[in-house]
Protein backbone atom coordinates (compact mmCIF):
# COMPACT_ATOMS: atom_id res chain seq x y z
CA MET A 1 136.17 -53.33 -32.54
CA SER A 2 138.83 -50.95 -30.96
CA GLU A 3 139.61 -51.55 -27.31
CA LEU A 4 139.93 -47.81 -26.48
CA SER A 5 138.33 -44.66 -27.83
CA VAL A 6 140.42 -41.44 -27.47
CA VAL A 7 137.70 -38.91 -26.83
CA MET A 8 138.07 -35.17 -27.48
CA ALA A 9 136.00 -32.03 -27.63
CA THR A 10 137.54 -29.02 -29.51
CA TYR A 11 136.63 -25.38 -30.15
CA ASN A 12 138.65 -22.92 -32.18
CA ARG A 13 142.09 -24.33 -31.53
CA ALA A 14 143.01 -25.68 -34.81
CA ALA A 15 146.77 -25.32 -34.45
CA LEU A 16 146.82 -26.97 -31.11
CA LEU A 17 144.44 -29.73 -32.33
CA ASP A 18 146.89 -30.46 -35.19
CA ARG A 19 149.77 -30.99 -32.62
CA CYS A 20 147.50 -33.13 -30.50
CA LEU A 21 146.56 -35.37 -33.38
CA ASP A 22 149.96 -35.53 -34.72
CA ALA A 23 151.19 -36.99 -31.36
CA LEU A 24 148.44 -39.56 -31.46
CA ALA A 25 149.68 -40.66 -34.88
CA VAL A 26 152.88 -42.00 -33.39
CA GLN A 27 151.51 -43.96 -30.51
CA THR A 28 153.23 -47.24 -29.73
CA ALA A 29 149.84 -48.96 -29.14
CA PRO A 30 148.78 -50.98 -32.29
CA ARG A 31 146.41 -48.95 -34.51
CA SER A 32 143.83 -51.69 -34.19
CA SER A 33 143.53 -51.30 -30.44
CA PHE A 34 142.26 -47.65 -30.46
CA GLU A 35 140.25 -45.07 -32.32
CA ILE A 36 139.94 -41.29 -32.09
CA VAL A 37 136.64 -39.53 -31.68
CA VAL A 38 136.62 -35.82 -31.95
CA VAL A 39 133.50 -33.59 -31.59
CA ASP A 40 133.85 -30.03 -32.93
CA ASP A 41 131.83 -27.67 -30.69
CA GLY A 42 131.00 -25.26 -33.55
CA SER A 43 134.48 -23.94 -34.32
CA THR A 44 134.71 -21.09 -36.80
CA ASP A 45 138.50 -21.52 -37.44
CA ASP A 46 140.25 -24.20 -39.60
CA THR A 47 139.22 -27.14 -37.28
CA PRO A 48 137.16 -28.97 -39.94
CA GLU A 49 139.99 -29.01 -42.45
CA VAL A 50 142.55 -30.28 -39.80
CA LEU A 51 140.16 -33.10 -38.96
CA LYS A 52 139.68 -34.06 -42.63
CA ARG A 53 143.39 -34.09 -43.16
CA TYR A 54 144.00 -36.55 -40.27
CA ARG A 55 141.21 -38.95 -41.17
CA LYS A 56 143.57 -40.36 -43.76
CA ARG A 57 146.33 -41.00 -41.23
CA LEU A 58 144.44 -42.02 -38.13
CA PRO A 59 141.53 -44.24 -37.12
CA LEU A 60 139.51 -41.00 -36.71
CA ARG A 61 135.81 -40.19 -36.60
CA PHE A 62 134.48 -36.74 -35.96
CA ASP A 63 131.21 -34.94 -35.67
CA ARG A 64 130.16 -31.20 -35.52
CA ILE A 65 127.58 -29.71 -33.20
CA GLU A 66 126.30 -26.22 -32.64
CA ASN A 67 128.42 -24.37 -29.86
CA SER A 68 127.04 -25.91 -26.73
CA GLY A 69 129.90 -26.26 -24.32
CA GLN A 70 132.59 -28.89 -23.68
CA ALA A 71 130.44 -31.12 -21.49
CA VAL A 72 127.77 -31.43 -24.25
CA ALA A 73 130.50 -32.11 -26.88
CA LEU A 74 132.17 -34.79 -24.68
CA ASN A 75 128.96 -36.49 -24.09
CA ARG A 76 128.29 -36.55 -27.84
CA ALA A 77 131.67 -38.06 -28.29
CA ILE A 78 130.88 -40.80 -25.69
CA GLU A 79 127.84 -41.70 -27.69
CA LEU A 80 129.96 -42.13 -30.76
CA ALA A 81 132.75 -44.09 -29.13
CA ALA A 82 133.11 -47.83 -29.91
CA GLY A 83 135.85 -48.64 -27.40
CA ARG A 84 135.36 -50.44 -24.15
CA VAL A 85 137.42 -47.74 -22.58
CA CYS A 86 137.17 -43.92 -23.14
CA LEU A 87 140.46 -41.92 -22.88
CA PHE A 88 139.70 -38.15 -22.49
CA LEU A 89 142.27 -35.85 -23.97
CA ASP A 90 141.94 -32.11 -24.27
CA ASP A 91 142.78 -30.63 -27.65
CA ASP A 92 145.81 -28.79 -26.23
CA VAL A 93 147.35 -31.87 -24.67
CA ILE A 94 150.29 -33.47 -26.48
CA ALA A 95 150.56 -37.13 -25.66
CA ALA A 96 153.84 -39.06 -25.10
CA ASN A 97 154.31 -42.04 -27.42
CA GLY A 98 153.26 -44.60 -24.92
CA LEU A 99 150.20 -42.82 -23.41
CA VAL A 100 147.48 -44.94 -25.06
CA ALA A 101 149.37 -48.14 -24.37
CA GLU A 102 149.78 -47.22 -20.68
CA HIS A 103 145.95 -46.57 -20.33
CA LEU A 104 145.15 -49.77 -22.16
CA GLN A 105 147.33 -51.79 -19.83
CA ALA A 106 145.99 -50.08 -16.68
CA GLN A 107 142.36 -50.69 -17.64
CA GLY A 108 142.99 -54.43 -18.45
CA SER A 109 139.94 -56.48 -19.01
CA GLY A 110 138.26 -56.32 -15.67
CA LEU A 111 135.70 -53.81 -14.23
CA GLY A 112 138.14 -51.01 -14.76
CA ILE A 113 139.31 -47.93 -12.92
CA ILE A 114 139.55 -44.15 -13.18
CA GLY A 115 142.96 -43.91 -14.74
CA LEU A 116 144.61 -40.63 -14.03
CA GLY A 117 147.45 -39.89 -16.43
CA ASN A 118 150.59 -37.93 -15.67
CA LEU A 119 150.15 -34.37 -16.98
CA SER A 120 152.63 -31.53 -17.03
CA LEU A 121 152.07 -27.88 -18.10
CA GLN A 122 154.04 -26.05 -20.71
CA ILE A 123 153.59 -22.27 -20.28
CA PRO A 124 154.66 -19.61 -22.70
CA THR A 125 157.88 -17.73 -22.24
CA PRO A 126 157.51 -15.13 -20.94
CA SER A 127 154.59 -15.67 -18.59
CA GLY A 128 152.90 -13.72 -15.77
CA GLY A 129 153.26 -14.60 -12.06
CA LEU A 130 149.71 -16.20 -11.86
CA ALA A 131 150.53 -18.68 -14.70
CA ARG A 132 153.79 -19.47 -13.18
CA TYR A 133 152.31 -20.10 -9.76
CA VAL A 134 149.77 -22.51 -11.40
CA GLU A 135 152.63 -24.25 -13.25
CA ARG A 136 154.60 -24.65 -9.93
CA TRP A 137 151.58 -25.93 -8.04
CA TRP A 138 150.74 -28.33 -10.79
CA THR A 139 154.31 -29.71 -10.97
CA GLY A 140 154.37 -30.11 -7.20
CA HIS A 141 151.01 -31.89 -7.10
CA TYR A 142 151.79 -34.43 -9.84
CA GLY A 143 155.21 -34.91 -8.43
CA ALA A 144 153.72 -35.93 -5.14
CA PHE A 145 151.50 -38.40 -7.01
CA GLU A 146 154.49 -39.80 -8.81
CA ARG A 147 156.49 -40.19 -5.47
CA GLY A 148 153.50 -41.83 -3.69
CA GLU A 149 153.37 -38.94 -1.19
CA LEU A 150 149.83 -37.97 -2.19
CA ALA A 151 146.89 -40.13 -3.35
CA PRO A 152 144.65 -38.57 -6.00
CA THR A 153 141.01 -37.90 -5.23
CA PHE A 154 138.11 -37.09 -7.38
CA ARG A 155 139.17 -33.43 -7.17
CA SER A 156 142.37 -34.49 -9.13
CA CYS A 157 140.49 -35.99 -11.98
CA TYR A 158 141.05 -33.48 -14.67
CA SER A 159 139.77 -34.70 -18.15
CA GLY A 160 142.89 -33.71 -19.92
CA ASN A 161 144.38 -37.19 -19.54
CA LEU A 162 141.87 -39.51 -17.97
CA SER A 163 140.48 -43.02 -18.90
CA VAL A 164 137.24 -44.49 -17.77
CA PRO A 165 135.39 -47.62 -18.90
CA ARG A 166 132.64 -46.49 -21.26
CA ALA A 167 129.95 -48.68 -19.52
CA ALA A 168 130.73 -46.73 -16.20
CA LEU A 169 130.30 -43.39 -18.18
CA VAL A 170 127.03 -44.45 -19.68
CA ALA A 171 125.66 -45.72 -16.29
CA ALA A 172 126.54 -42.37 -14.82
CA ASP A 173 124.83 -40.36 -17.62
CA GLY A 174 128.04 -38.77 -18.65
CA PHE A 175 129.21 -35.34 -17.89
CA ALA A 176 126.87 -32.80 -16.06
CA GLU A 177 125.83 -30.29 -18.60
CA TRP A 178 124.34 -27.98 -16.00
CA ILE A 179 127.71 -26.53 -14.78
CA PRO A 180 130.10 -24.56 -17.07
CA ARG A 181 133.25 -25.76 -15.29
CA SER A 182 134.42 -28.65 -12.99
CA PHE A 183 132.12 -31.14 -14.81
CA ASP A 184 135.04 -33.55 -14.91
CA VAL A 185 135.43 -33.41 -11.07
CA GLU A 186 131.77 -33.76 -10.55
CA LEU A 187 131.69 -36.89 -12.84
CA ALA A 188 134.67 -38.34 -11.03
CA TYR A 189 132.82 -37.88 -7.71
CA ARG A 190 129.87 -39.79 -8.95
CA LEU A 191 132.11 -42.55 -10.45
CA THR A 192 133.91 -42.94 -7.13
CA GLN A 193 130.61 -43.11 -5.34
CA ALA A 194 129.77 -45.98 -7.76
CA GLY A 195 132.89 -47.88 -6.63
CA LEU A 196 135.52 -47.09 -9.32
CA PRO A 197 138.98 -46.59 -7.71
CA ILE A 198 141.30 -43.76 -8.89
CA VAL A 199 144.75 -45.05 -10.02
CA PHE A 200 147.52 -42.70 -10.94
CA LEU A 201 149.37 -43.75 -14.02
CA PRO A 202 152.85 -42.20 -13.77
CA GLU A 203 153.96 -43.51 -17.32
CA ALA A 204 150.92 -42.22 -19.08
CA ARG A 205 152.53 -38.99 -19.78
CA ALA A 206 151.34 -35.98 -21.66
CA VAL A 207 152.08 -32.23 -21.88
CA GLN A 208 149.39 -29.56 -21.80
CA VAL A 209 150.24 -26.36 -23.77
CA TYR A 210 148.90 -23.90 -21.21
CA GLU A 211 148.32 -20.53 -22.82
CA LYS A 212 145.92 -18.90 -20.25
CA ASP A 213 146.77 -15.35 -19.22
CA PHE A 214 145.92 -13.55 -15.86
CA SER A 215 142.35 -12.80 -16.93
CA ALA A 216 141.59 -16.29 -18.17
CA LEU A 217 142.92 -17.94 -15.11
CA VAL A 218 141.00 -15.68 -12.86
CA SER A 219 137.77 -16.38 -14.83
CA ASP A 220 138.53 -20.17 -14.33
CA PHE A 221 138.90 -19.72 -10.60
CA GLU A 222 135.60 -17.77 -10.43
CA ARG A 223 133.72 -20.37 -12.48
CA ALA A 224 135.08 -23.11 -10.33
CA GLY A 225 133.66 -21.36 -7.32
CA ALA A 226 130.30 -20.99 -9.01
CA ALA A 227 130.29 -24.50 -10.00
CA ALA A 228 130.93 -25.62 -6.55
CA VAL A 229 127.90 -23.91 -5.29
CA GLU A 230 125.73 -25.68 -7.93
CA MET A 231 127.39 -29.04 -7.13
CA VAL A 232 126.80 -28.79 -3.39
CA ARG A 233 123.18 -27.74 -4.04
CA ARG A 234 122.68 -31.05 -5.85
CA GLU A 235 125.06 -33.22 -3.78
CA PRO A 236 125.30 -31.75 -0.20
CA PRO A 237 127.96 -34.35 0.96
CA LEU A 238 130.42 -32.49 -1.36
CA LEU A 239 130.41 -29.74 1.12
CA ALA A 240 132.91 -31.63 3.18
CA GLN A 241 135.16 -32.26 0.28
CA LEU A 242 135.27 -29.07 -1.70
CA PRO A 243 137.00 -25.73 -0.76
CA LEU A 244 133.46 -24.37 -0.47
CA GLY A 245 133.21 -26.18 2.90
CA GLY A 246 136.46 -24.80 4.25
CA TYR A 247 136.53 -21.01 3.92
CA TRP A 248 138.83 -20.43 7.00
CA GLU A 249 141.25 -23.33 6.30
CA SER A 250 143.89 -21.02 4.75
CA GLY A 251 144.06 -19.03 7.90
CA PRO A 252 142.23 -16.37 9.95
CA ARG A 253 144.07 -13.37 8.41
CA GLU A 254 143.58 -14.58 4.90
CA GLY A 255 139.92 -15.34 5.66
CA LEU A 256 139.28 -11.85 7.14
CA ALA A 257 141.09 -10.13 4.22
CA ARG A 258 138.93 -12.01 1.61
CA ARG A 259 135.75 -11.07 3.50
CA VAL A 260 136.58 -7.38 3.32
CA LEU A 261 137.41 -7.54 -0.26
CA LEU A 262 134.29 -9.51 -1.03
CA ALA A 263 132.20 -6.94 0.85
CA LEU A 264 133.86 -4.27 -1.32
CA HIS A 265 133.20 -6.19 -4.58
CA LEU A 266 136.85 -5.63 -5.79
CA PRO A 267 137.54 -7.30 -9.03
CA PRO A 268 140.79 -9.26 -9.24
CA ALA A 269 141.53 -7.61 -12.52
CA LEU A 270 142.88 -4.66 -10.48
CA LEU A 271 145.98 -6.76 -9.79
CA ARG A 272 146.55 -7.52 -13.47
CA PRO A 273 149.20 -4.74 -13.88
CA PHE A 274 151.38 -6.53 -11.26
CA ASP A 275 151.22 -9.88 -12.80
CA ARG A 276 154.38 -9.30 -15.06
CA LEU A 277 156.35 -8.08 -12.05
CA LEU A 278 155.52 -10.54 -9.29
CA VAL A 279 156.91 -13.75 -10.88
CA ALA A 280 159.31 -15.20 -8.35
CA PRO A 281 158.23 -18.24 -6.25
CA ARG A 282 158.28 -16.09 -3.13
CA PHE A 283 154.99 -14.54 -4.35
CA ASP A 284 153.17 -17.93 -4.53
CA ARG A 285 151.39 -17.18 -1.21
CA PHE A 286 150.14 -13.92 -2.77
CA TYR A 287 148.82 -15.72 -5.89
CA ARG A 288 147.22 -18.51 -3.78
CA PHE A 289 145.29 -15.75 -2.10
CA VAL A 290 144.22 -14.31 -5.52
CA GLN A 291 143.10 -17.76 -6.60
CA GLU A 292 141.05 -18.34 -3.36
CA TYR A 293 139.64 -14.75 -3.58
CA ALA A 294 138.49 -15.38 -7.17
CA TYR A 295 137.13 -18.73 -6.22
CA TRP A 296 135.02 -17.22 -3.40
CA ARG A 297 133.98 -14.32 -5.63
CA GLY A 298 132.52 -16.73 -8.04
CA ALA A 299 130.79 -18.70 -5.28
CA ARG A 300 129.42 -15.59 -3.69
CA ARG A 301 127.94 -14.44 -6.87
CA ALA A 302 126.44 -17.90 -7.61
CA GLU A 303 124.71 -18.17 -4.21
CA ARG A 304 121.84 -15.77 -4.16
CA ASN A 305 120.63 -16.65 -0.74
CA ARG A 306 122.10 -14.16 1.59
CA THR A 307 122.00 -16.37 4.68
CA ARG A 308 123.61 -19.23 2.88
CA ARG A 309 126.27 -16.91 1.60
CA ARG A 310 127.10 -15.76 5.15
CA SER A 311 127.10 -19.37 6.28
CA PHE A 312 129.67 -20.38 3.63
CA LEU A 313 131.90 -17.54 4.78
CA GLY A 314 131.26 -18.31 8.41
CA GLY A 315 132.69 -21.19 10.48
CA VAL A 316 131.85 -22.14 13.99
CA VAL A 317 133.97 -20.81 16.90
CA ILE A 318 134.18 -23.13 19.89
CA LEU A 319 135.05 -21.16 23.13
CA LEU A 320 137.10 -23.00 25.72
CA TYR A 321 136.74 -21.95 29.34
CA HIS A 322 137.98 -23.48 32.65
CA ALA A 323 137.09 -21.96 35.94
CA ILE A 324 134.88 -19.00 36.79
CA GLY A 325 136.08 -16.74 39.65
CA GLU A 326 133.96 -15.53 42.45
CA PRO A 327 133.87 -11.66 43.03
CA GLY A 328 137.17 -10.50 44.36
CA GLU A 329 139.09 -13.54 43.14
CA PRO A 330 142.04 -12.36 40.86
CA ALA A 331 141.95 -13.10 37.10
CA SER A 332 144.46 -15.53 35.73
CA ARG A 333 144.91 -17.74 32.76
CA TYR A 334 142.41 -20.51 33.86
CA VAL A 335 140.23 -18.37 36.15
CA LEU A 336 137.75 -15.95 34.55
CA PRO A 337 136.03 -13.47 36.90
CA VAL A 338 132.38 -13.96 36.81
CA ARG A 339 131.71 -10.37 35.87
CA ARG A 340 133.87 -10.82 32.68
CA PHE A 341 132.02 -13.93 31.82
CA ALA A 342 128.67 -11.93 32.24
CA ARG A 343 130.00 -9.38 29.86
CA GLN A 344 131.08 -11.85 27.35
CA LEU A 345 127.59 -13.60 27.30
CA TRP A 346 126.04 -10.05 26.98
CA LEU A 347 128.35 -9.23 24.06
CA LEU A 348 127.29 -12.54 22.36
CA ARG A 349 123.70 -11.47 22.59
CA LEU A 350 124.35 -7.94 21.49
CA LEU A 351 126.08 -9.07 18.40
CA ARG A 352 123.48 -11.68 17.66
CA TYR A 353 125.62 -14.76 17.96
CA ARG A 354 123.77 -18.05 18.06
CA VAL A 355 125.02 -20.39 20.82
CA LEU A 356 124.84 -23.99 19.50
CA THR A 357 125.35 -27.15 21.38
CA LEU A 358 127.86 -29.71 20.18
CA ASP A 359 125.07 -31.98 19.47
CA ALA A 360 123.42 -29.54 17.20
CA TYR A 361 126.82 -28.79 15.46
CA ALA A 362 127.37 -32.47 14.95
CA GLN A 363 123.90 -32.83 13.46
CA HIS A 364 124.75 -29.96 10.92
CA ARG A 365 127.89 -31.91 9.94
CA GLU A 366 126.09 -35.24 9.68
CA GLU A 367 123.26 -33.76 7.50
CA TYR A 368 125.72 -31.50 5.46
CA SER A 369 123.61 -28.48 6.45
CA LEU A 370 125.24 -25.08 7.10
CA PRO A 371 125.22 -23.85 10.75
CA PRO A 372 123.61 -20.42 11.06
CA PRO A 373 125.97 -17.41 10.52
CA ARG A 374 127.66 -16.25 13.75
CA SER A 375 127.46 -19.51 15.51
CA VAL A 376 129.56 -20.21 18.71
CA ILE A 377 129.73 -23.20 21.05
CA ILE A 378 130.62 -22.84 24.68
CA THR A 379 132.71 -25.44 26.41
CA LEU A 380 134.24 -25.60 29.90
CA ASP A 381 136.98 -28.01 30.69
CA ASP A 382 137.65 -30.07 33.92
CA GLY A 383 134.26 -29.60 35.59
CA TYR A 384 134.83 -27.11 38.41
CA ARG A 385 132.24 -26.54 41.05
CA ASP A 386 132.03 -22.87 40.10
CA ASN A 387 130.61 -24.02 36.76
CA ALA A 388 127.36 -24.80 38.55
CA GLU A 389 127.56 -22.04 41.04
CA LEU A 390 128.46 -19.14 38.85
CA ALA A 391 128.57 -20.04 35.18
CA PHE A 392 125.23 -21.90 35.00
CA PRO A 393 123.00 -19.03 36.32
CA LEU A 394 124.58 -16.65 33.78
CA LEU A 395 124.11 -19.11 30.98
CA ARG A 396 120.47 -19.73 31.85
CA ARG A 397 119.91 -15.90 32.11
CA HIS A 398 121.26 -15.46 28.56
CA GLY A 399 119.52 -18.49 27.06
CA ALA A 400 122.84 -20.14 26.30
CA VAL A 401 123.84 -23.70 26.68
CA ALA A 402 127.32 -25.18 27.39
CA THR A 403 129.01 -28.46 27.38
CA ILE A 404 131.23 -29.29 30.40
CA PHE A 405 133.98 -31.82 29.76
CA ALA A 406 134.42 -33.54 33.13
CA VAL A 407 137.40 -35.54 34.60
CA SER A 408 135.16 -38.26 35.65
CA GLY A 409 137.43 -39.97 38.08
CA SER A 410 137.87 -36.82 40.15
CA LEU A 411 134.32 -35.69 40.41
CA GLY A 412 133.57 -34.83 44.11
CA GLY A 413 137.19 -34.07 44.70
CA ARG A 414 139.74 -31.50 43.59
CA ASN A 415 142.08 -30.73 40.82
CA THR A 416 145.22 -32.76 41.37
CA TRP A 417 146.88 -32.57 37.88
CA SER A 418 147.66 -28.85 37.66
CA VAL A 419 150.40 -28.64 40.26
CA GLY A 420 151.63 -25.12 40.80
CA SER A 421 148.84 -23.40 38.81
CA GLU A 422 146.03 -21.31 40.06
CA VAL A 423 143.46 -24.10 39.69
CA TRP A 424 145.44 -26.67 41.65
CA GLY A 425 143.31 -27.95 44.41
CA ARG A 426 140.20 -26.27 43.07
CA PRO A 427 136.99 -28.02 44.02
CA LEU A 428 135.26 -30.08 41.23
CA LEU A 429 131.52 -30.73 40.67
CA SER A 430 130.03 -33.58 42.76
CA TRP A 431 127.95 -36.29 41.14
CA PRO A 432 124.74 -34.78 42.59
CA ASP A 433 125.85 -31.42 40.88
CA VAL A 434 126.34 -33.21 37.61
CA GLU A 435 123.09 -34.94 37.67
CA SER A 436 121.18 -31.69 38.65
CA LEU A 437 122.98 -29.74 35.86
CA ARG A 438 122.16 -32.54 33.27
CA ARG A 439 118.44 -32.29 34.26
CA THR A 440 118.47 -28.56 33.53
CA GLY A 441 119.95 -28.87 30.05
CA VAL A 442 123.77 -28.63 30.54
CA ARG A 443 125.59 -30.98 28.31
CA PHE A 444 128.48 -33.26 29.49
CA GLY A 445 131.39 -34.84 27.68
CA ALA A 446 134.30 -36.97 28.77
CA HIS A 447 137.70 -35.48 29.67
CA THR A 448 139.34 -38.79 30.72
CA LYS A 449 139.42 -40.24 34.22
CA THR A 450 142.35 -38.58 35.57
CA HIS A 451 143.31 -35.78 33.10
CA ALA A 452 146.23 -37.76 31.73
CA SER A 453 148.20 -36.91 28.75
CA LEU A 454 146.98 -39.70 26.47
CA PRO A 455 149.94 -40.05 23.95
CA GLU A 456 152.18 -40.80 26.92
CA LEU A 457 150.12 -43.79 28.00
CA SER A 458 150.30 -47.41 27.06
CA PRO A 459 147.48 -48.57 24.68
CA GLU A 460 145.72 -50.22 27.40
CA GLU A 461 146.00 -47.20 29.83
CA ARG A 462 144.90 -44.86 27.02
CA GLN A 463 141.78 -47.07 26.25
CA ASP A 464 140.86 -47.14 29.90
CA GLU A 465 141.19 -43.42 30.36
CA ILE A 466 138.87 -42.81 27.37
CA SER A 467 136.34 -45.48 27.53
CA GLY A 468 136.42 -45.65 31.33
CA SER A 469 135.61 -42.05 31.57
CA CYS A 470 132.68 -42.34 29.19
CA GLN A 471 131.36 -45.34 31.11
CA GLN A 472 131.55 -43.55 34.43
CA LEU A 473 129.58 -40.58 33.04
CA GLU A 474 127.06 -42.76 31.17
CA ARG A 475 126.10 -44.74 34.30
CA ARG A 476 124.77 -41.47 35.73
CA LEU A 477 123.87 -39.35 32.67
CA GLY A 478 123.10 -41.54 29.72
CA PRO A 479 124.98 -41.59 26.38
CA ILE A 480 128.22 -39.57 26.07
CA ARG A 481 128.96 -38.40 22.53
CA HIS A 482 131.76 -35.85 23.07
CA PHE A 483 135.30 -35.81 24.21
CA ALA A 484 138.04 -33.26 24.99
CA TYR A 485 141.76 -34.20 24.88
CA PRO A 486 143.57 -33.24 28.22
CA TYR A 487 146.16 -30.56 27.33
CA GLY A 488 145.12 -30.87 23.81
CA HIS A 489 147.45 -33.82 23.35
CA ALA A 490 146.33 -36.15 20.68
CA ASP A 491 148.34 -38.35 18.34
CA ASP A 492 147.06 -40.79 15.74
CA ALA A 493 146.80 -43.71 18.32
CA THR A 494 144.69 -41.37 20.55
CA LEU A 495 142.41 -40.59 17.64
CA ASP A 496 141.99 -44.25 16.84
CA ALA A 497 141.09 -44.96 20.42
CA VAL A 498 138.43 -42.28 20.44
CA ARG A 499 137.12 -43.47 17.12
CA SER A 500 136.97 -47.04 18.33
CA ILE A 501 134.44 -46.29 20.94
CA GLY A 502 132.08 -44.37 18.57
CA LEU A 503 132.45 -40.83 19.99
CA THR A 504 130.82 -38.25 17.77
CA THR A 505 133.30 -35.26 18.33
CA ALA A 506 136.60 -34.71 20.11
CA ALA A 507 138.13 -31.29 20.81
CA GLY A 508 141.62 -30.06 21.38
CA ILE A 509 143.12 -26.71 22.00
CA GLU A 510 144.32 -25.98 18.34
CA GLU A 511 142.85 -22.51 17.51
CA GLY A 512 140.80 -21.62 14.49
CA ARG A 513 137.24 -21.66 13.19
CA ASN A 514 135.60 -25.06 12.47
CA SER A 515 134.34 -25.87 9.04
CA PHE A 516 133.24 -28.91 7.13
CA ALA A 517 136.83 -29.42 6.39
CA THR A 518 137.73 -29.75 10.13
CA PRO A 519 137.87 -33.37 11.24
CA LEU A 520 135.16 -34.01 13.90
CA LEU A 521 137.68 -35.71 16.04
CA ARG A 522 140.06 -32.66 15.82
CA LEU A 523 137.78 -29.85 16.51
CA ARG A 524 139.41 -26.55 17.12
CA ARG A 525 138.75 -24.34 20.14
CA CYS A 526 139.75 -20.82 21.22
CA GLU A 527 140.80 -20.59 24.82
CA VAL A 528 139.28 -17.70 26.69
CA ARG A 529 141.69 -16.59 29.45
CA GLY A 530 140.67 -14.84 32.66
CA THR A 531 142.89 -11.85 31.78
CA ASP A 532 141.25 -11.27 28.44
CA SER A 533 139.58 -7.90 27.96
CA LEU A 534 136.16 -7.60 26.36
CA PHE A 535 137.80 -6.10 23.23
CA ARG A 536 140.23 -9.02 23.09
CA PHE A 537 137.32 -11.48 23.37
CA ALA A 538 135.44 -9.70 20.51
CA VAL A 539 138.63 -10.07 18.33
CA MET A 540 138.68 -13.74 19.21
CA LEU A 541 135.12 -14.13 17.91
CA VAL A 542 136.08 -12.61 14.57
CA LEU A 543 139.31 -14.47 14.07
CA GLY A 544 138.66 -17.65 15.82
CA LYS A 545 141.97 -17.33 17.57
CA ARG A 546 143.75 -15.30 20.23
CA PRO A 547 145.13 -12.04 18.83
CA GLY A 548 148.87 -12.30 18.31
CA SER A 549 149.04 -16.08 18.78
């Protein structure tokens, strides 16, 4: 019995299939070690003749089905395969001489792996800008795998050059036939969940003859977006690992531009006339935008629920405040006049924003459920006495809840860390204030004991600042789940220290919206300054960042 089955589905690409099989005829692996199984997905060209011709040269078996799609054809090929390992090749992939031998060696005789072969693209000359952008991205991605700079994930598992133990494929019920695209990625996700590691095989080389034009590529991107919606519907944890869960990750301007174009229902085909002109690498950012727009266009059309569509395109804005100024107190960066705070809360209500707590947001993340559209979170750093005297009555009047990140070792005292600023010496909440606010629904998080810059401390000092602050607050308030980094300073050691004591979220001062792609221990916040106008505040709500920053 063959050790490995080269598995292929083919449809109306007789000339490419001829080249593919010709490369398999000169493999260095012994002929007795592998077979080739091809399923013809109802081709109407010369595919049957090509297969019959190669049956004399290769250990080849083939079958023909009515046109049902690539996933169905591949599943049929898996059924026919006799090898312990299935090596998936596309019919436009030309294998290097040692490809089969490399996969055989990597799979060994143990439980097996997901073997990701080294695949490069061969695009026609001349090609348009979008195809060249894809080729450059592909080369960079696989180059990073080869150099060890990037580890492949299930999203990297393209079935053009991929080996998997047949037993694992059977146990996983093969490829999903309910999605027209990304079925290989979906299968790889399930295989990794079952415990199979992904191993990049740099010497298992092949070249894909990539002949897709602008329209075909855009169609692929749109179908990938639609497939992502279906995948998340069935496997909600995928929301944190697919682009579908990170609409704003490419930046606020790009996200806003996509939302406008999506609202106008503009087809990417309008850009096709420019594809032959914009071919230089400097246009890669533009083509990345085209790719992401097409992806989200497909996702938007696949998701028929309007609320879920808006939530996918949303992202939670976390507002960061410090002190609230009394009437007559001048506005400054860290002191927001109480009247401006009142107007901002009024605007949130007028625009129908939903004010979430950090606990509610964390629950959405843990359950892989989408927060409501137009969700914001209100946080106040340091724990000034005016938070109780001025901010809390307004929050209660508007039905909003906030989280105060308190410098626990200074409660009952004054700000001693902001020397020279307008909040230096400002009174902080007392412990009775904190306990009273807690009873009325205000949430509290830790902000260290002394407002120290954590990366500058020794490991022992850093741990004491973090865990000590939580312990001081917990003795009076109960469990503390949330943390804010003083000055926004957080290196890897600081994140490890926060993670080690089991905190749910931690926030810095990096701007941007928060999505399922945002690490819970690196939540972004948008600082609201006391000098900000109401218009500027409204722009911050839209962008998730300060205008001009």
